[in-house]
Amino acid sequence: MKPKLLLLSDLWGIENAVWIQDYLQRLESDFEIKVYDSCRLGEINTSSTLETKRHQQFIDKGIDNAVQKLLKLEKKKINILAFSIGGTIAWKAGLQGLDIDRFYSVSSTRLRYEDEIPKAKIKLYFGGDDVYKPNVEWFKKNEIDNKIYKNKAHHLYSEIDFITHLCTEIIDDEKRCV
């Protein structure tokens, strides 16, 4: 049986995230994949196309809503690949008992506010030009494995070269664990 891998979208959800298909194509032969739309989990009103409005909805109640739903939906040990706000949702769910084995998160900038760390093997990825990424001291203090990609911005997770590299790393990690 294949190991389970959850993908959690960014604040735009999955409706227009064509880049998620690139992850699915590369990972589906090695994992049983389930994709969660962070907007649906968080009960976000998606009629607004303004990033600031969506972000505020997540801060106000969406992250908490999504965490509670994820905890109800997932009862067994899982691996997670999360993007932006999806990483924050998964992180907080891990702190509240979601059983995470390996946790990969890309551009989850709100993690810079976190002081507690979920029990999981964690790898975080950020673009070097993402002004909201955690600082070096945060990574050192929390002893978290991370990679910063020079000359890349927040949405590096939608770039095909990054997708290819990360999927290869995730598959290699799985093969080392079996």
C-alpha atoms as a PDB file:
ATOM      1  CA  MET A   1       0.000   0.000   0.000  1.00  0.00           C
ATOM      2  CA  LYS A   2       1.245   3.486  -0.857  1.00  0.00           C
ATOM      3  CA  PRO A   3       1.877   5.997   1.920  1.00  0.00           C
ATOM      4  CA  LYS A   4      -0.640   8.811   2.216  1.00  0.00           C
ATOM      5  CA  LEU A   5       0.331  12.342   1.211  1.00  0.00           C
ATOM      6  CA  LEU A   6      -1.931  15.324   1.782  1.00  0.00           C
ATOM      7  CA  LEU A   7      -1.565  18.448  -0.314  1.00  0.00           C
ATOM      8  CA  LEU A   8      -2.947  21.650   1.198  1.00  0.00           C
ATOM      9  CA  SER A   9      -3.427  24.582  -1.155  1.00  0.00           C
ATOM     10  CA  ASP A  10      -2.441  28.197  -0.755  1.00  0.00           C
ATOM     11  CA  LEU A  11      -4.998  30.940  -0.017  1.00  0.00           C
ATOM     12  CA  TRP A  12      -6.247  30.849  -3.616  1.00  0.00           C
ATOM     13  CA  GLY A  13      -7.549  27.297  -3.254  1.00  0.00           C
ATOM     14  CA  ILE A  14      -7.358  24.627  -5.933  1.00  0.00           C
ATOM     15  CA  GLU A  15      -9.876  25.910  -8.450  1.00  0.00           C
ATOM     16  CA  ASN A  16      -7.320  27.900 -10.469  1.00  0.00           C
ATOM     17  CA  ALA A  17      -4.149  26.251  -9.209  1.00  0.00           C
ATOM     18  CA  VAL A  18      -3.098  24.469 -12.385  1.00  0.00           C
ATOM     19  CA  TRP A  19       0.381  24.011 -10.901  1.00  0.00           C
ATOM     20  CA  ILE A  20      -1.002  21.444  -8.422  1.00  0.00           C
ATOM     21  CA  GLN A  21      -1.448  19.077 -11.367  1.00  0.00           C
ATOM     22  CA  ASP A  22       2.330  19.079 -11.841  1.00  0.00           C
ATOM     23  CA  TYR A  23       2.772  17.843  -8.261  1.00  0.00           C
ATOM     24  CA  LEU A  24       0.085  15.200  -8.708  1.00  0.00           C
ATOM     25  CA  GLN A  25       1.623  13.858 -11.917  1.00  0.00           C
ATOM     26  CA  ARG A  26       5.029  13.483 -10.286  1.00  0.00           C
ATOM     27  CA  LEU A  27       3.878  12.062  -6.951  1.00  0.00           C
ATOM     28  CA  GLU A  28       0.845   9.870  -7.689  1.00  0.00           C
ATOM     29  CA  SER A  29       2.846   6.760  -8.585  1.00  0.00           C
ATOM     30  CA  ASP A  30       4.506   6.762  -5.146  1.00  0.00           C
ATOM     31  CA  PHE A  31       1.750   8.109  -2.893  1.00  0.00           C
ATOM     32  CA  GLU A  32      -1.944   7.914  -2.232  1.00  0.00           C
ATOM     33  CA  ILE A  33      -2.677  11.625  -2.581  1.00  0.00           C
ATOM     34  CA  LYS A  34      -5.509  13.661  -1.161  1.00  0.00           C
ATOM     35  CA  VAL A  35      -5.780  17.344  -2.050  1.00  0.00           C
ATOM     36  CA  TYR A  36      -7.414  19.789   0.321  1.00  0.00           C
ATOM     37  CA  ASP A  37      -8.534  23.236  -0.711  1.00  0.00           C
ATOM     38  CA  SER A  38      -7.535  25.529   2.156  1.00  0.00           C
ATOM     39  CA  CYS A  39     -10.371  27.926   1.272  1.00  0.00           C
ATOM     40  CA  ARG A  40     -12.982  25.188   1.598  1.00  0.00           C
ATOM     41  CA  LEU A  41     -11.468  23.867   4.815  1.00  0.00           C
ATOM     42  CA  GLY A  42     -11.404  27.373   6.263  1.00  0.00           C
ATOM     43  CA  GLU A  43     -14.876  28.331   4.997  1.00  0.00           C
ATOM     44  CA  ILE A  44     -13.405  31.316   3.153  1.00  0.00           C
ATOM     45  CA  ASN A  45     -15.595  33.497   0.968  1.00  0.00           C
ATOM     46  CA  THR A  46     -13.765  33.244  -2.353  1.00  0.00           C
ATOM     47  CA  SER A  47     -15.778  35.899  -4.182  1.00  0.00           C
ATOM     48  CA  SER A  48     -13.056  38.442  -3.455  1.00  0.00           C
ATOM     49  CA  THR A  49      -9.972  38.289  -5.626  1.00  0.00           C
ATOM     50  CA  LEU A  50      -8.050  40.620  -3.338  1.00  0.00           C
ATOM     51  CA  GLU A  51      -5.242  38.789  -1.567  1.00  0.00           C
ATOM     52  CA  THR A  52      -5.523  41.024   1.518  1.00  0.00           C
ATOM     53  CA  LYS A  53      -9.228  40.185   1.976  1.00  0.00           C
ATOM     54  CA  ARG A  54      -8.677  36.453   1.667  1.00  0.00           C
ATOM     55  CA  HIS A  55      -5.706  36.637   3.995  1.00  0.00           C
ATOM     56  CA  GLN A  56      -7.731  38.507   6.614  1.00  0.00           C
ATOM     57  CA  GLN A  57     -10.477  35.882   6.468  1.00  0.00           C
ATOM     58  CA  PHE A  58      -7.906  33.199   7.219  1.00  0.00           C
ATOM     59  CA  ILE A  59      -6.517  35.218  10.133  1.00  0.00           C
ATOM     60  CA  ASP A  60      -9.968  36.019  11.544  1.00  0.00           C
ATOM     61  CA  LYS A  61     -11.336  32.474  11.609  1.00  0.00           C
ATOM     62  CA  GLY A  62     -10.289  30.512   8.542  1.00  0.00           C
ATOM     63  CA  ILE A  63      -7.120  28.967   9.933  1.00  0.00           C
ATOM     64  CA  ASP A  64      -8.939  27.745  13.046  1.00  0.00           C
ATOM     65  CA  ASN A  65     -11.860  26.405  10.974  1.00  0.00           C
ATOM     66  CA  ALA A  66      -9.474  24.570   8.656  1.00  0.00           C
ATOM     67  CA  VAL A  67      -7.480  23.062  11.523  1.00  0.00           C
ATOM     68  CA  GLN A  68     -10.617  21.687  13.179  1.00  0.00           C
ATOM     69  CA  LYS A  69     -11.890  20.193   9.913  1.00  0.00           C
ATOM     70  CA  LEU A  70      -8.529  18.630   9.127  1.00  0.00           C
ATOM     71  CA  LEU A  71      -8.392  17.050  12.584  1.00  0.00           C
ATOM     72  CA  LYS A  72     -11.834  15.494  11.991  1.00  0.00           C
ATOM     73  CA  LEU A  73     -10.975  14.280   8.488  1.00  0.00           C
ATOM     74  CA  GLU A  74      -7.553  12.746   9.127  1.00  0.00           C
ATOM     75  CA  LYS A  75      -7.178  10.182  11.896  1.00  0.00           C
ATOM     76  CA  LYS A  76      -4.121   8.198  10.755  1.00  0.00           C
ATOM     77  CA  LYS A  77      -0.426   9.029  10.341  1.00  0.00           C
ATOM     78  CA  ILE A  78       0.164  11.078   7.199  1.00  0.00           C
ATOM     79  CA  ASN A  79       2.717  12.998   5.204  1.00  0.00           C
ATOM     80  CA  ILE A  80       1.930  16.574   4.226  1.00  0.00           C
ATOM     81  CA  LEU A  81       2.983  18.874   1.419  1.00  0.00           C
ATOM     82  CA  ALA A  82       1.529  22.321   2.028  1.00  0.00           C
ATOM     83  CA  PHE A  83       1.732  25.651   0.271  1.00  0.00           C
ATOM     84  CA  SER A  84       1.653  29.082   1.921  1.00  0.00           C
ATOM     85  CA  ILE A  85      -1.382  29.297   4.260  1.00  0.00           C
ATOM     86  CA  GLY A  86      -1.826  25.524   3.891  1.00  0.00           C
ATOM     87  CA  GLY A  87       1.442  25.084   5.775  1.00  0.00           C
ATOM     88  CA  THR A  88       0.181  27.171   8.660  1.00  0.00           C
ATOM     89  CA  ILE A  89      -3.009  25.124   8.790  1.00  0.00           C
ATOM     90  CA  ALA A  90      -1.091  21.825   8.813  1.00  0.00           C
ATOM     91  CA  TRP A  91       1.411  23.106  11.394  1.00  0.00           C
ATOM     92  CA  LYS A  92      -1.339  24.147  13.797  1.00  0.00           C
ATOM     93  CA  ALA A  93      -3.194  20.871  13.217  1.00  0.00           C
ATOM     94  CA  GLY A  94       0.025  19.035  14.079  1.00  0.00           C
ATOM     95  CA  LEU A  95       0.243  20.974  17.336  1.00  0.00           C
ATOM     96  CA  GLN A  96      -3.308  19.891  18.137  1.00  0.00           C
ATOM     97  CA  GLY A  97      -2.718  16.206  17.522  1.00  0.00           C
ATOM     98  CA  LEU A  98      -2.699  15.534  13.777  1.00  0.00           C
ATOM     99  CA  ASP A  99      -0.285  12.602  13.405  1.00  0.00           C
ATOM    100  CA  ILE A 100       2.244  13.869  10.855  1.00  0.00           C
ATOM    101  CA  ASP A 101       5.230  11.792   9.796  1.00  0.00           C
ATOM    102  CA  ARG A 102       6.943  14.046   7.236  1.00  0.00           C
ATOM    103  CA  PHE A 103       5.930  17.666   6.775  1.00  0.00           C
ATOM    104  CA  TYR A 104       7.033  19.653   3.723  1.00  0.00           C
ATOM    105  CA  SER A 105       5.907  23.253   3.531  1.00  0.00           C
ATOM    106  CA  VAL A 106       6.635  25.855   0.878  1.00  0.00           C
ATOM    107  CA  SER A 107       6.337  29.615   1.426  1.00  0.00           C
ATOM    108  CA  SER A 108       4.424  29.306   4.700  1.00  0.00           C
ATOM    109  CA  THR A 109       5.462  32.703   5.937  1.00  0.00           C
ATOM    110  CA  ARG A 110       3.089  32.844   8.926  1.00  0.00           C
ATOM    111  CA  LEU A 111       5.195  30.141  10.571  1.00  0.00           C
ATOM    112  CA  ARG A 112       7.565  32.942  11.617  1.00  0.00           C
ATOM    113  CA  TYR A 113       5.073  33.666  14.432  1.00  0.00           C
ATOM    114  CA  GLU A 114       5.127  30.098  15.769  1.00  0.00           C
ATOM    115  CA  ASP A 115       6.995  29.167  18.943  1.00  0.00           C
ATOM    116  CA  GLU A 116       5.888  25.540  19.209  1.00  0.00           C
ATOM    117  CA  ILE A 117       6.858  22.850  16.737  1.00  0.00           C
ATOM    118  CA  PRO A 118       4.730  19.851  15.752  1.00  0.00           C
ATOM    119  CA  LYS A 119       6.160  16.375  16.202  1.00  0.00           C
ATOM    120  CA  ALA A 120       7.189  15.538  12.643  1.00  0.00           C
ATOM    121  CA  LYS A 121      10.174  15.454  10.335  1.00  0.00           C
ATOM    122  CA  ILE A 122       9.948  19.016   9.013  1.00  0.00           C
ATOM    123  CA  LYS A 123      11.417  20.619   5.903  1.00  0.00           C
ATOM    124  CA  LEU A 124      10.581  24.199   5.011  1.00  0.00           C
ATOM    125  CA  TYR A 125      11.228  25.922   1.693  1.00  0.00           C
ATOM    126  CA  PHE A 126      11.216  29.641   0.918  1.00  0.00           C
ATOM    127  CA  GLY A 127      12.170  31.980  -1.850  1.00  0.00           C
ATOM    128  CA  GLY A 128      15.084  34.191  -0.868  1.00  0.00           C
ATOM    129  CA  ASP A 129      13.161  37.238  -2.100  1.00  0.00           C
ATOM    130  CA  ASP A 130      10.099  36.446   0.041  1.00  0.00           C
ATOM    131  CA  VAL A 131      10.211  39.333   2.522  1.00  0.00           C
ATOM    132  CA  TYR A 132       7.912  37.533   4.985  1.00  0.00           C
ATOM    133  CA  LYS A 133       9.917  34.320   5.367  1.00  0.00           C
ATOM    134  CA  PRO A 134      11.158  33.498   8.881  1.00  0.00           C
ATOM    135  CA  ASN A 135      14.558  34.962   9.717  1.00  0.00           C
ATOM    136  CA  VAL A 136      17.748  32.966  10.261  1.00  0.00           C
ATOM    137  CA  GLU A 137      17.399  33.226  14.048  1.00  0.00           C
ATOM    138  CA  TRP A 138      13.943  31.597  13.925  1.00  0.00           C
ATOM    139  CA  PHE A 139      15.324  28.607  12.002  1.00  0.00           C
ATOM    140  CA  LYS A 140      18.298  28.264  14.349  1.00  0.00           C
ATOM    141  CA  LYS A 141      16.213  28.603  17.524  1.00  0.00           C
ATOM    142  CA  ASN A 142      13.738  25.977  16.339  1.00  0.00           C
ATOM    143  CA  GLU A 143      16.371  23.732  14.685  1.00  0.00           C
ATOM    144  CA  ILE A 144      14.285  23.318  11.557  1.00  0.00           C
ATOM    145  CA  ASP A 145      15.600  21.945   8.275  1.00  0.00           C
ATOM    146  CA  ASN A 146      15.108  24.596   5.609  1.00  0.00           C
ATOM    147  CA  LYS A 147      16.118  25.615   2.134  1.00  0.00           C
ATOM    148  CA  ILE A 148      16.134  29.171   0.862  1.00  0.00           C
ATOM    149  CA  TYR A 149      16.175  29.587  -2.923  1.00  0.00           C
ATOM    150  CA  LYS A 150      18.057  32.647  -4.126  1.00  0.00           C
ATOM    151  CA  ASN A 151      16.274  34.963  -6.541  1.00  0.00           C
ATOM    152  CA  LYS A 152      12.933  33.229  -5.955  1.00  0.00           C
ATOM    153  CA  ALA A 153       9.798  34.858  -4.586  1.00  0.00           C
ATOM    154  CA  HIS A 154       6.778  33.672  -2.590  1.00  0.00           C
ATOM    155  CA  HIS A 155       5.154  31.699  -5.420  1.00  0.00           C
ATOM    156  CA  LEU A 156       8.199  29.547  -6.184  1.00  0.00           C
ATOM    157  CA  TYR A 157       5.970  26.518  -5.527  1.00  0.00           C
ATOM    158  CA  SER A 158       4.237  27.112  -8.871  1.00  0.00           C
ATOM    159  CA  GLU A 159       7.495  27.057 -10.882  1.00  0.00           C
ATOM    160  CA  ILE A 160       8.172  23.831 -12.772  1.00  0.00           C
ATOM    161  CA  ASP A 161      11.880  23.616 -11.883  1.00  0.00           C
ATOM    162  CA  PHE A 162      11.076  23.882  -8.187  1.00  0.00           C
ATOM    163  CA  ILE A 163       8.184  21.398  -8.490  1.00  0.00           C
ATOM    164  CA  THR A 164      10.459  18.848 -10.156  1.00  0.00           C
ATOM    165  CA  HIS A 165      13.170  19.269  -7.523  1.00  0.00           C
ATOM    166  CA  LEU A 166      10.802  19.077  -4.540  1.00  0.00           C
ATOM    167  CA  CYS A 167       8.883  16.060  -5.840  1.00  0.00           C
ATOM    168  CA  THR A 168      12.150  14.197  -6.413  1.00  0.00           C
ATOM    169  CA  GLU A 169      13.213  15.013  -2.855  1.00  0.00           C
ATOM    170  CA  ILE A 170       9.889  13.813  -1.402  1.00  0.00           C
ATOM    171  CA  ILE A 171      10.039  10.537  -3.368  1.00  0.00           C
ATOM    172  CA  ASP A 172      13.677   9.976  -2.344  1.00  0.00           C
ATOM    173  CA  ASP A 173      12.781  10.605   1.310  1.00  0.00           C
ATOM    174  CA  GLU A 174      10.028   7.992   1.070  1.00  0.00           C
ATOM    175  CA  LYS A 175      12.338   5.422  -0.481  1.00  0.00           C
ATOM    176  CA  ARG A 176      14.870   5.959   2.321  1.00  0.00           C
ATOM    177  CA  CYS A 177      12.149   5.352   4.918  1.00  0.00           C
ATOM    178  CA  VAL A 178      10.961   1.968   3.619  1.00  0.00           C
END
